[in-house]
C-alpha atoms as a PDB file:
ATOM      1  CA  MET A   1       0.000   0.000   0.000  1.00  0.00           C
ATOM      2  CA  ALA A   2       2.848   2.406   0.800  1.00  0.00           C
ATOM      3  CA  GLN A   3       4.273   1.779  -2.682  1.00  0.00           C
ATOM      4  CA  VAL A   4       0.908   2.547  -4.310  1.00  0.00           C
ATOM      5  CA  ILE A   5       0.510   5.773  -2.313  1.00  0.00           C
ATOM      6  CA  ALA A   6       4.069   6.892  -3.103  1.00  0.00           C
ATOM      7  CA  ASN A   7       3.541   6.227  -6.818  1.00  0.00           C
ATOM      8  CA  GLY A   8       0.242   8.101  -6.695  1.00  0.00           C
ATOM      9  CA  VAL A   9       1.794  11.146  -5.011  1.00  0.00           C
ATOM     10  CA  TYR A  10       4.668  11.125  -7.503  1.00  0.00           C
ATOM     11  CA  LEU A  11       2.294  10.926 -10.496  1.00  0.00           C
ATOM     12  CA  GLY A  12      -0.065  13.445  -8.943  1.00  0.00           C
ATOM     13  CA  ALA A  13       2.639  16.075  -8.539  1.00  0.00           C
ATOM     14  CA  GLN A  14       3.560  15.791 -12.225  1.00  0.00           C
ATOM     15  CA  TYR A  15      -0.072  15.808 -13.344  1.00  0.00           C
ATOM     16  CA  ALA A  16      -0.951  18.785 -11.161  1.00  0.00           C
ATOM     17  CA  LEU A  17       1.889  20.772 -12.691  1.00  0.00           C
ATOM     18  CA  ILE A  18       0.599  19.909 -16.182  1.00  0.00           C
ATOM     19  CA  ALA A  19      -2.981  20.866 -15.317  1.00  0.00           C
ATOM     20  CA  LEU A  20      -1.996  24.164 -13.673  1.00  0.00           C
ATOM     21  CA  GLY A  21      -0.861  25.699 -16.953  1.00  0.00           C
ATOM     22  CA  LEU A  22      -3.965  24.556 -18.816  1.00  0.00           C
ATOM     23  CA  THR A  23      -6.434  25.775 -16.204  1.00  0.00           C
ATOM     24  CA  LEU A  24      -4.619  29.123 -15.826  1.00  0.00           C
ATOM     25  CA  ILE A  25      -5.019  29.831 -19.543  1.00  0.00           C
ATOM     26  CA  PHE A  26      -8.685  28.832 -19.418  1.00  0.00           C
ATOM     27  CA  ALA A  27      -9.368  30.965 -16.338  1.00  0.00           C
ATOM     28  CA  LEU A  28      -7.824  34.080 -17.886  1.00  0.00           C
ATOM     29  CA  MET A  29      -8.949  33.790 -21.505  1.00  0.00           C
ATOM     30  CA  ASN A  30     -11.740  31.175 -21.607  1.00  0.00           C
ATOM     31  CA  VAL A  31      -9.571  29.258 -24.090  1.00  0.00           C
ATOM     32  CA  LEU A  32      -9.125  25.484 -24.069  1.00  0.00           C
ATOM     33  CA  ASN A  33      -5.513  25.152 -25.132  1.00  0.00           C
ATOM     34  CA  PHE A  34      -5.507  21.911 -27.119  1.00  0.00           C
ATOM     35  CA  ALA A  35      -1.789  22.484 -27.799  1.00  0.00           C
ATOM     36  CA  HIS A  36      -0.856  22.106 -24.121  1.00  0.00           C
ATOM     37  CA  GLY A  37       0.366  18.533 -24.590  1.00  0.00           C
ATOM     38  CA  GLN A  38       2.474  19.567 -27.569  1.00  0.00           C
ATOM     39  CA  MET A  39       4.060  22.302 -25.432  1.00  0.00           C
ATOM     40  CA  TYR A  40       4.909  19.618 -22.881  1.00  0.00           C
ATOM     41  CA  VAL A  41       6.530  17.511 -25.614  1.00  0.00           C
ATOM     42  CA  LEU A  42       8.508  20.474 -26.953  1.00  0.00           C
ATOM     43  CA  GLY A  43       9.758  21.220 -23.442  1.00  0.00           C
ATOM     44  CA  GLY A  44      10.889  17.615 -23.105  1.00  0.00           C
ATOM     45  CA  PHE A  45      12.808  17.753 -26.373  1.00  0.00           C
ATOM     46  CA  ILE A  46      14.484  21.041 -25.437  1.00  0.00           C
ATOM     47  CA  THR A  47      15.686  19.511 -22.170  1.00  0.00           C
ATOM     48  CA  TYR A  48      16.783  16.394 -24.062  1.00  0.00           C
ATOM     49  CA  THR A  49      18.824  18.540 -26.446  1.00  0.00           C
ATOM     50  CA  ALA A  50      20.369  20.787 -23.807  1.00  0.00           C
ATOM     51  CA  TYR A  51      21.057  18.113 -21.166  1.00  0.00           C
ATOM     52  CA  GLY A  52      21.398  14.897 -23.144  1.00  0.00           C
ATOM     53  CA  GLN A  53      23.073  16.234 -26.282  1.00  0.00           C
ATOM     54  CA  LEU A  54      24.909  19.426 -25.303  1.00  0.00           C
ATOM     55  CA  GLY A  55      25.866  18.255 -21.819  1.00  0.00           C
ATOM     56  CA  LEU A  56      24.536  21.300 -19.951  1.00  0.00           C
ATOM     57  CA  PRO A  57      23.566  20.878 -16.268  1.00  0.00           C
ATOM     58  CA  PHE A  58      20.040  19.544 -15.857  1.00  0.00           C
ATOM     59  CA  ILE A  59      18.787  22.628 -14.031  1.00  0.00           C
ATOM     60  CA  VAL A  60      20.107  24.847 -16.857  1.00  0.00           C
ATOM     61  CA  ALA A  61      18.384  22.632 -19.435  1.00  0.00           C
ATOM     62  CA  LEU A  62      15.164  22.810 -17.413  1.00  0.00           C
ATOM     63  CA  LEU A  63      15.424  26.598 -17.230  1.00  0.00           C
ATOM     64  CA  ALA A  64      16.010  26.770 -20.993  1.00  0.00           C
ATOM     65  CA  SER A  65      12.906  24.656 -21.564  1.00  0.00           C
ATOM     66  CA  GLY A  66      10.730  26.851 -19.355  1.00  0.00           C
ATOM     67  CA  VAL A  67      11.989  30.150 -20.807  1.00  0.00           C
ATOM     68  CA  THR A  68      11.684  28.938 -24.408  1.00  0.00           C
ATOM     69  CA  LEU A  69       8.129  27.732 -23.920  1.00  0.00           C
ATOM     70  CA  GLY A  70       7.253  30.946 -22.072  1.00  0.00           C
ATOM     71  CA  VAL A  71       8.421  33.012 -25.037  1.00  0.00           C
ATOM     72  CA  ILE A  72       6.567  30.761 -27.485  1.00  0.00           C
ATOM     73  CA  GLY A  73       3.408  31.009 -25.371  1.00  0.00           C
ATOM     74  CA  ALA A  74       3.619  34.815 -25.225  1.00  0.00           C
ATOM     75  CA  LEU A  75       4.015  35.012 -29.004  1.00  0.00           C
ATOM     76  CA  ILE A  76       1.110  32.624 -29.615  1.00  0.00           C
ATOM     77  CA  GLU A  77      -1.158  34.666 -27.357  1.00  0.00           C
ATOM     78  CA  LYS A  78      -0.147  38.039 -28.786  1.00  0.00           C
ATOM     79  CA  LEU A  79      -0.051  37.151 -32.481  1.00  0.00           C
ATOM     80  CA  LEU A  80      -2.839  34.576 -32.695  1.00  0.00           C
ATOM     81  CA  PHE A  81      -5.296  34.283 -29.814  1.00  0.00           C
ATOM     82  CA  ARG A  82      -5.523  37.994 -29.056  1.00  0.00           C
ATOM     83  CA  THR A  83      -6.374  38.766 -32.677  1.00  0.00           C
ATOM     84  CA  VAL A  84      -8.971  36.017 -32.943  1.00  0.00           C
ATOM     85  CA  ILE A  85     -10.631  36.938 -29.635  1.00  0.00           C
ATOM     86  CA  ARG A  86     -10.935  40.578 -30.710  1.00  0.00           C
ATOM     87  CA  ARG A  87     -12.293  39.897 -34.186  1.00  0.00           C
ATOM     88  CA  SER A  88     -14.434  36.816 -33.718  1.00  0.00           C
ATOM     89  CA  VAL A  89     -17.889  36.738 -32.174  1.00  0.00           C
ATOM     90  CA  ARG A  90     -17.903  32.948 -31.845  1.00  0.00           C
ATOM     91  CA  GLU A  91     -16.077  31.148 -29.045  1.00  0.00           C
ATOM     92  CA  GLU A  92     -15.541  28.161 -31.350  1.00  0.00           C
ATOM     93  CA  SER A  93     -12.933  30.188 -33.240  1.00  0.00           C
ATOM     94  CA  THR A  94     -10.453  29.976 -30.368  1.00  0.00           C
ATOM     95  CA  MET A  95     -11.015  26.220 -30.121  1.00  0.00           C
ATOM     96  CA  LEU A  96     -10.266  25.795 -33.818  1.00  0.00           C
ATOM     97  CA  LEU A  97      -7.193  28.002 -33.473  1.00  0.00           C
ATOM     98  CA  ALA A  98      -5.954  25.967 -30.505  1.00  0.00           C
ATOM     99  CA  ALA A  99      -6.415  22.751 -32.491  1.00  0.00           C
ATOM    100  CA  ALA A 100      -4.524  24.286 -35.424  1.00  0.00           C
ATOM    101  CA  VAL A 101      -1.658  25.300 -33.118  1.00  0.00           C
ATOM    102  CA  ALA A 102      -1.549  21.739 -31.741  1.00  0.00           C
ATOM    103  CA  TYR A 103      -1.285  20.216 -35.229  1.00  0.00           C
ATOM    104  CA  PHE A 104       1.313  22.816 -36.231  1.00  0.00           C
ATOM    105  CA  LEU A 105       3.479  22.066 -33.190  1.00  0.00           C
ATOM    106  CA  ASP A 106       3.107  18.328 -33.841  1.00  0.00           C
ATOM    107  CA  ALA A 107       4.455  18.843 -37.348  1.00  0.00           C
ATOM    108  CA  VAL A 108       7.319  21.055 -36.151  1.00  0.00           C
ATOM    109  CA  ILE A 109       8.322  18.579 -33.436  1.00  0.00           C
ATOM    110  CA  LEU A 110       8.233  15.664 -35.875  1.00  0.00           C
ATOM    111  CA  LEU A 111      10.289  17.609 -38.403  1.00  0.00           C
ATOM    112  CA  LEU A 112      12.927  18.704 -35.872  1.00  0.00           C
ATOM    113  CA  PHE A 113      13.241  15.618 -33.677  1.00  0.00           C
ATOM    114  CA  GLY A 114      11.751  12.690 -35.597  1.00  0.00           C
ATOM    115  CA  GLU A 115       9.461  10.025 -34.231  1.00  0.00           C
ATOM    116  CA  LYS A 116      11.872   7.979 -32.093  1.00  0.00           C
ATOM    117  CA  GLN A 117      11.636   7.827 -28.329  1.00  0.00           C
ATOM    118  CA  ARG A 118      14.286  10.035 -26.713  1.00  0.00           C
ATOM    119  CA  GLY A 119      15.667   9.896 -23.206  1.00  0.00           C
ATOM    120  CA  VAL A 120      18.448  11.387 -21.126  1.00  0.00           C
ATOM    121  CA  PRO A 121      20.965   9.975 -18.626  1.00  0.00           C
ATOM    122  CA  LYS A 122      19.761   9.570 -15.057  1.00  0.00           C
ATOM    123  CA  ILE A 123      20.004  12.706 -12.978  1.00  0.00           C
ATOM    124  CA  VAL A 124      20.702  10.738  -9.799  1.00  0.00           C
ATOM    125  CA  ASN A 125      21.703   7.087  -9.536  1.00  0.00           C
ATOM    126  CA  GLY A 126      20.550   4.696  -6.866  1.00  0.00           C
ATOM    127  CA  VAL A 127      17.330   3.396  -5.354  1.00  0.00           C
ATOM    128  CA  PHE A 128      15.726   4.036  -1.974  1.00  0.00           C
ATOM    129  CA  VAL A 129      14.711   0.695  -0.465  1.00  0.00           C
ATOM    130  CA  SER A 130      12.729  -0.015   2.700  1.00  0.00           C
ATOM    131  CA  ASP A 131      10.436  -2.792   3.875  1.00  0.00           C
ATOM    132  CA  ALA A 132       7.386  -1.185   2.253  1.00  0.00           C
ATOM    133  CA  LEU A 133       8.788   1.076  -0.444  1.00  0.00           C
ATOM    134  CA  ILE A 134      11.118   0.955  -3.423  1.00  0.00           C
ATOM    135  CA  MET A 135      11.668   4.281  -5.191  1.00  0.00           C
ATOM    136  CA  PRO A 136      14.540   5.390  -7.445  1.00  0.00           C
ATOM    137  CA  TYR A 137      16.280   8.529  -6.224  1.00  0.00           C
ATOM    138  CA  ASP A 138      15.700  10.297  -9.541  1.00  0.00           C
ATOM    139  CA  ARG A 139      11.940   9.885  -9.117  1.00  0.00           C
ATOM    140  CA  LEU A 140      12.148  11.250  -5.582  1.00  0.00           C
ATOM    141  CA  LEU A 141      14.088  14.251  -6.893  1.00  0.00           C
ATOM    142  CA  ILE A 142      11.675  14.902  -9.777  1.00  0.00           C
ATOM    143  CA  GLY A 143       8.685  14.587  -7.436  1.00  0.00           C
ATOM    144  CA  ALA A 144      10.252  17.025  -4.969  1.00  0.00           C
ATOM    145  CA  LEU A 145      11.002  19.506  -7.765  1.00  0.00           C
ATOM    146  CA  ALA A 146       7.411  19.257  -9.014  1.00  0.00           C
ATOM    147  CA  VAL A 147       6.042  19.975  -5.525  1.00  0.00           C
ATOM    148  CA  LEU A 148       8.502  22.874  -5.201  1.00  0.00           C
ATOM    149  CA  PHE A 149       7.333  24.371  -8.514  1.00  0.00           C
ATOM    150  CA  ILE A 150       3.689  24.000  -7.497  1.00  0.00           C
ATOM    151  CA  GLY A 151       4.401  25.808  -4.229  1.00  0.00           C
ATOM    152  CA  ALA A 152       6.322  28.562  -5.998  1.00  0.00           C
ATOM    153  CA  PHE A 153       3.461  29.016  -8.468  1.00  0.00           C
ATOM    154  CA  MET A 154       0.895  29.318  -5.680  1.00  0.00           C
ATOM    155  CA  LEU A 155       3.032  31.864  -3.821  1.00  0.00           C
ATOM    156  CA  PHE A 156       3.498  33.841  -7.034  1.00  0.00           C
ATOM    157  CA  MET A 157      -0.238  33.905  -7.698  1.00  0.00           C
ATOM    158  CA  GLN A 158      -1.057  34.812  -4.109  1.00  0.00           C
ATOM    159  CA  PHE A 159       1.468  37.522  -3.291  1.00  0.00           C
ATOM    160  CA  SER A 160       2.914  39.048  -6.477  1.00  0.00           C
ATOM    161  CA  LYS A 161       1.319  41.948  -8.368  1.00  0.00           C
ATOM    162  CA  PRO A 162       0.987  39.975 -11.649  1.00  0.00           C
ATOM    163  CA  GLY A 163      -0.463  37.049  -9.687  1.00  0.00           C
ATOM    164  CA  ARG A 164      -3.099  39.225  -8.021  1.00  0.00           C
ATOM    165  CA  ALA A 165      -3.951  40.821 -11.377  1.00  0.00           C
ATOM    166  CA  MET A 166      -4.408  37.418 -13.003  1.00  0.00           C
ATOM    167  CA  ARG A 167      -6.563  36.233 -10.117  1.00  0.00           C
ATOM    168  CA  ALA A 168      -8.731  39.314 -10.564  1.00  0.00           C
ATOM    169  CA  LEU A 169      -9.071  38.598 -14.285  1.00  0.00           C
ATOM    170  CA  ALA A 170     -10.049  35.013 -13.566  1.00  0.00           C
ATOM    171  CA  GLN A 171     -12.705  36.133 -11.096  1.00  0.00           C
ATOM    172  CA  ASP A 172     -14.290  38.965 -13.128  1.00  0.00           C
ATOM    173  CA  ARG A 173     -12.645  40.170 -16.331  1.00  0.00           C
ATOM    174  CA  VAL A 174     -14.798  43.295 -16.766  1.00  0.00           C
ATOM    175  CA  ALA A 175     -14.478  44.436 -13.145  1.00  0.00           C
ATOM    176  CA  ALA A 176     -10.704  43.913 -13.257  1.00  0.00           C
ATOM    177  CA  GLN A 177     -10.470  46.007 -16.416  1.00  0.00           C
ATOM    178  CA  LEU A 178     -12.510  48.789 -14.810  1.00  0.00           C
ATOM    179  CA  MET A 179     -10.111  48.735 -11.847  1.00  0.00           C
ATOM    180  CA  GLY A 180      -7.168  49.400 -14.155  1.00  0.00           C
ATOM    181  CA  VAL A 181      -5.851  45.894 -14.795  1.00  0.00           C
ATOM    182  CA  ARG A 182      -4.241  45.777 -18.245  1.00  0.00           C
ATOM    183  CA  VAL A 183      -6.088  42.800 -19.694  1.00  0.00           C
ATOM    184  CA  ASP A 184      -3.882  42.266 -22.747  1.00  0.00           C
ATOM    185  CA  ARG A 185      -0.650  42.359 -20.739  1.00  0.00           C
ATOM    186  CA  TYR A 186      -1.769  39.925 -18.065  1.00  0.00           C
ATOM    187  CA  SER A 187      -3.475  37.617 -20.528  1.00  0.00           C
ATOM    188  CA  MET A 188      -0.142  37.338 -22.333  1.00  0.00           C
ATOM    189  CA  ILE A 189       1.711  36.784 -19.046  1.00  0.00           C
ATOM    190  CA  GLY A 190      -0.802  34.111 -18.055  1.00  0.00           C
ATOM    191  CA  PHE A 191      -0.551  32.292 -21.383  1.00  0.00           C
ATOM    192  CA  ALA A 192       3.256  32.472 -21.218  1.00  0.00           C
ATOM    193  CA  LEU A 193       3.233  31.157 -17.649  1.00  0.00           C
ATOM    194  CA  GLY A 194       0.911  28.295 -18.626  1.00  0.00           C
ATOM    195  CA  ALA A 195       3.175  27.339 -21.534  1.00  0.00           C
ATOM    196  CA  MET A 196       6.219  27.638 -19.252  1.00  0.00           C
ATOM    197  CA  LEU A 197       4.692  25.178 -16.769  1.00  0.00           C
ATOM    198  CA  ALA A 198       4.059  22.719 -19.609  1.00  0.00           C
ATOM    199  CA  GLY A 199       7.673  23.074 -20.747  1.00  0.00           C
ATOM    200  CA  VAL A 200       9.033  22.596 -17.231  1.00  0.00           C
ATOM    201  CA  VAL A 201       7.073  19.416 -16.527  1.00  0.00           C
ATOM    202  CA  GLY A 202       8.030  18.078 -19.955  1.00  0.00           C
ATOM    203  CA  GLY A 203      11.651  18.729 -19.033  1.00  0.00           C
ATOM    204  CA  LEU A 204      11.202  17.009 -15.669  1.00  0.00           C
ATOM    205  CA  LEU A 205       9.608  13.864 -17.042  1.00  0.00           C
ATOM    206  CA  VAL A 206      11.975  13.392 -19.980  1.00  0.00           C
ATOM    207  CA  ALA A 207      14.459  12.265 -17.328  1.00  0.00           C
ATOM    208  CA  ILE A 208      12.069   9.513 -16.193  1.00  0.00           C
ATOM    209  CA  THR A 209       9.826   8.371 -19.034  1.00  0.00           C
ATOM    210  CA  GLY A 210      11.532   9.895 -22.080  1.00  0.00           C
ATOM    211  CA  VAL A 211       9.652  11.754 -24.782  1.00  0.00           C
ATOM    212  CA  ASN A 212       8.456  11.180 -28.332  1.00  0.00           C
ATOM    213  CA  SER A 213       6.529  13.187 -30.880  1.00  0.00           C
ATOM    214  CA  GLY A 214       3.305  11.203 -30.505  1.00  0.00           C
ATOM    215  CA  ILE A 215       2.413  11.788 -26.859  1.00  0.00           C
ATOM    216  CA  GLY A 216       1.150  15.371 -27.112  1.00  0.00           C
ATOM    217  CA  GLY A 217      -2.484  14.364 -27.651  1.00  0.00           C
ATOM    218  CA  PRO A 218      -2.644  11.857 -24.757  1.00  0.00           C
ATOM    219  CA  ILE A 219      -0.994  14.381 -22.422  1.00  0.00           C
ATOM    220  CA  SER A 220      -3.606  17.003 -23.368  1.00  0.00           C
ATOM    221  CA  ILE A 221      -6.391  14.492 -22.679  1.00  0.00           C
ATOM    222  CA  LYS A 222      -4.968  13.788 -19.217  1.00  0.00           C
ATOM    223  CA  ALA A 223      -4.742  17.522 -18.563  1.00  0.00           C
ATOM    224  CA  PHE A 224      -8.405  17.979 -19.571  1.00  0.00           C
ATOM    225  CA  LEU A 225      -9.350  15.113 -17.252  1.00  0.00           C
ATOM    226  CA  MET A 226      -7.691  16.847 -14.310  1.00  0.00           C
ATOM    227  CA  VAL A 227      -9.299  20.185 -15.145  1.00  0.00           C
ATOM    228  CA  MET A 228     -12.755  18.573 -15.366  1.00  0.00           C
ATOM    229  CA  ILE A 229     -12.279  16.805 -12.044  1.00  0.00           C
ATOM    230  CA  GLY A 230     -11.218  19.969 -10.229  1.00  0.00           C
ATOM    231  CA  GLY A 231     -13.374  22.468 -12.113  1.00  0.00           C
ATOM    232  CA  ALA A 232     -12.544  24.419 -15.252  1.00  0.00           C
ATOM    233  CA  GLY A 233     -10.544  27.543 -14.502  1.00  0.00           C
ATOM    234  CA  VAL A 234      -9.945  26.679 -10.832  1.00  0.00           C
ATOM    235  CA  VAL A 235      -6.243  26.634  -9.974  1.00  0.00           C
ATOM    236  CA  GLY A 236      -6.718  24.793  -6.692  1.00  0.00           C
ATOM    237  CA  GLY A 237      -9.006  22.369  -8.507  1.00  0.00           C
ATOM    238  CA  ALA A 238      -6.275  21.610 -11.044  1.00  0.00           C
ATOM    239  CA  ILE A 239      -3.917  20.631  -8.232  1.00  0.00           C
ATOM    240  CA  ALA A 240      -6.574  18.473  -6.583  1.00  0.00           C
ATOM    241  CA  GLY A 241      -7.499  16.917  -9.934  1.00  0.00           C
ATOM    242  CA  GLY A 242      -3.859  16.110 -10.650  1.00  0.00           C
ATOM    243  CA  PHE A 243      -3.313  14.309  -7.360  1.00  0.00           C
ATOM    244  CA  ILE A 244      -6.662  12.520  -7.618  1.00  0.00           C
ATOM    245  CA  LEU A 245      -5.887  11.275 -11.132  1.00  0.00           C
ATOM    246  CA  GLY A 246      -2.377  10.238 -10.093  1.00  0.00           C
ATOM    247  CA  MET A 247      -3.698   8.263  -7.132  1.00  0.00           C
ATOM    248  CA  ILE A 248      -6.479   6.637  -9.169  1.00  0.00           C
ATOM    249  CA  GLU A 249      -4.003   5.672 -11.883  1.00  0.00           C
ATOM    250  CA  SER A 250      -1.569   4.222  -9.345  1.00  0.00           C
ATOM    251  CA  VAL A 251      -4.294   2.192  -7.624  1.00  0.00           C
ATOM    252  CA  GLY A 252      -5.759   1.119 -10.967  1.00  0.00           C
ATOM    253  CA  LEU A 253      -2.435  -0.085 -12.349  1.00  0.00           C
ATOM    254  CA  SER A 254      -1.825  -2.056  -9.156  1.00  0.00           C
ATOM    255  CA  VAL A 255      -5.300  -3.586  -8.820  1.00  0.00           C
ATOM    256  CA  LEU A 256      -6.404  -3.978 -12.438  1.00  0.00           C
ATOM    257  CA  HIS A 257      -3.150  -5.086 -14.082  1.00  0.00           C
ATOM    258  CA  ALA A 258      -4.333  -8.714 -14.074  1.00  0.00           C
ATOM    259  CA  TYR A 259      -7.280  -7.748 -16.305  1.00  0.00           C
ATOM    260  CA  GLY A 260      -5.211  -6.076 -19.015  1.00  0.00           C
ATOM    261  CA  ASP A 261      -4.903  -2.399 -19.881  1.00  0.00           C
ATOM    262  CA  ILE A 262      -8.327  -1.294 -18.640  1.00  0.00           C
ATOM    263  CA  THR A 263      -7.267   1.311 -16.075  1.00  0.00           C
ATOM    264  CA  TYR A 264      -8.292   4.284 -18.208  1.00  0.00           C
ATOM    265  CA  LEU A 265     -11.507   2.572 -19.270  1.00  0.00           C
ATOM    266  CA  VAL A 266     -12.462   2.471 -15.591  1.00  0.00           C
ATOM    267  CA  ILE A 267     -11.245   6.053 -15.060  1.00  0.00           C
ATOM    268  CA  PHE A 268     -13.318   7.415 -17.956  1.00  0.00           C
ATOM    269  CA  ALA A 269     -16.396   5.503 -16.803  1.00  0.00           C
ATOM    270  CA  ALA A 270     -15.980   6.897 -13.272  1.00  0.00           C
ATOM    271  CA  LEU A 271     -15.451  10.385 -14.697  1.00  0.00           C
ATOM    272  CA  MET A 272     -18.725  10.217 -16.643  1.00  0.00           C
ATOM    273  CA  VAL A 273     -20.581   9.268 -13.467  1.00  0.00           C
ATOM    274  CA  PHE A 274     -18.803  11.989 -11.482  1.00  0.00           C
ATOM    275  CA  LEU A 275     -19.569  14.731 -14.049  1.00  0.00           C
ATOM    276  CA  SER A 276     -23.224  13.695 -14.197  1.00  0.00           C
ATOM    277  CA  ILE A 277     -23.362  14.378 -10.450  1.00  0.00           C
ATOM    278  CA  ARG A 278     -21.038  17.409 -10.322  1.00  0.00           C
ATOM    279  CA  PRO A 279     -20.843  18.884 -13.837  1.00  0.00           C
ATOM    280  CA  ASN A 280     -18.748  21.841 -12.593  1.00  0.00           C
ATOM    281  CA  GLY A 281     -16.140  19.658 -10.924  1.00  0.00           C
ATOM    282  CA  LEU A 282     -15.082  19.651  -7.289  1.00  0.00           C
ATOM    283  CA  MET A 283     -14.740  23.433  -6.897  1.00  0.00           C
ATOM    284  CA  GLY A 284     -16.721  24.758  -9.817  1.00  0.00           C
ATOM    285  CA  LYS A 285     -15.759  28.421 -10.006  1.00  0.00           C
ATOM    286  CA  PRO A 286     -12.623  30.327 -11.064  1.00  0.00           C
ATOM    287  CA  TRP A 287     -10.039  30.984  -8.391  1.00  0.00           C
ATOM    288  CA  GLY A 288      -9.848  34.613  -7.356  1.00  0.00           C
END
């Protein structure tokens, strides 16, 4: 049981970090970023290139991944989403744009890095062993870093001026604008921060699971699952959804492995029942 809980916490920390970026973008702009998984993949490949190929320290490679994805996210928001939101009267336009960005990034990633699975050398060697738990040290380190990044994000949102402005936008966009919040600026910062989180977690997990050009879609689906569990646009809900999904997946893989690969079949069935009871998720309203 201790092993299952430890695996669930480890997975949950990674998943929560993925979902945070997606739900932040939705809370600020009411945009479902279908390209979030592709941003994760791109972050993984940047870390692979900087750490595995160029030999830079892992933390430098991780920083390069986050900064690069932050810049890409800012450019996507400013040049694409901002224009479409201003000119279009239909919300479906942003969904189509997000899907187009996802397919574009898929093509770019495939062109630059190919379709093979890529991995990097272990960050830390060795395995922690006790009577009830076996956990490689690199997983412990990655899990601790993920929790650290989640904590830093929450502190940033709670106490910094940009964080308070973005929380105000998530709570009431019109009222925040009337109070002097520069909507365009903080929407761009929020989109950049969401993309940066995707890049960072992609960089973290390339050291454990590797990365390939075909996992962007499945990662986005997992992120949407977490957002639906916690409540669309709710930052705290994204964290809760991530840890819940991680724990369910860990328990499912341990209990249901004898019946084949049906863990996600059970998860999707449970999600349908849950959403029929609580269609707005656990928390149900934007964090502000």
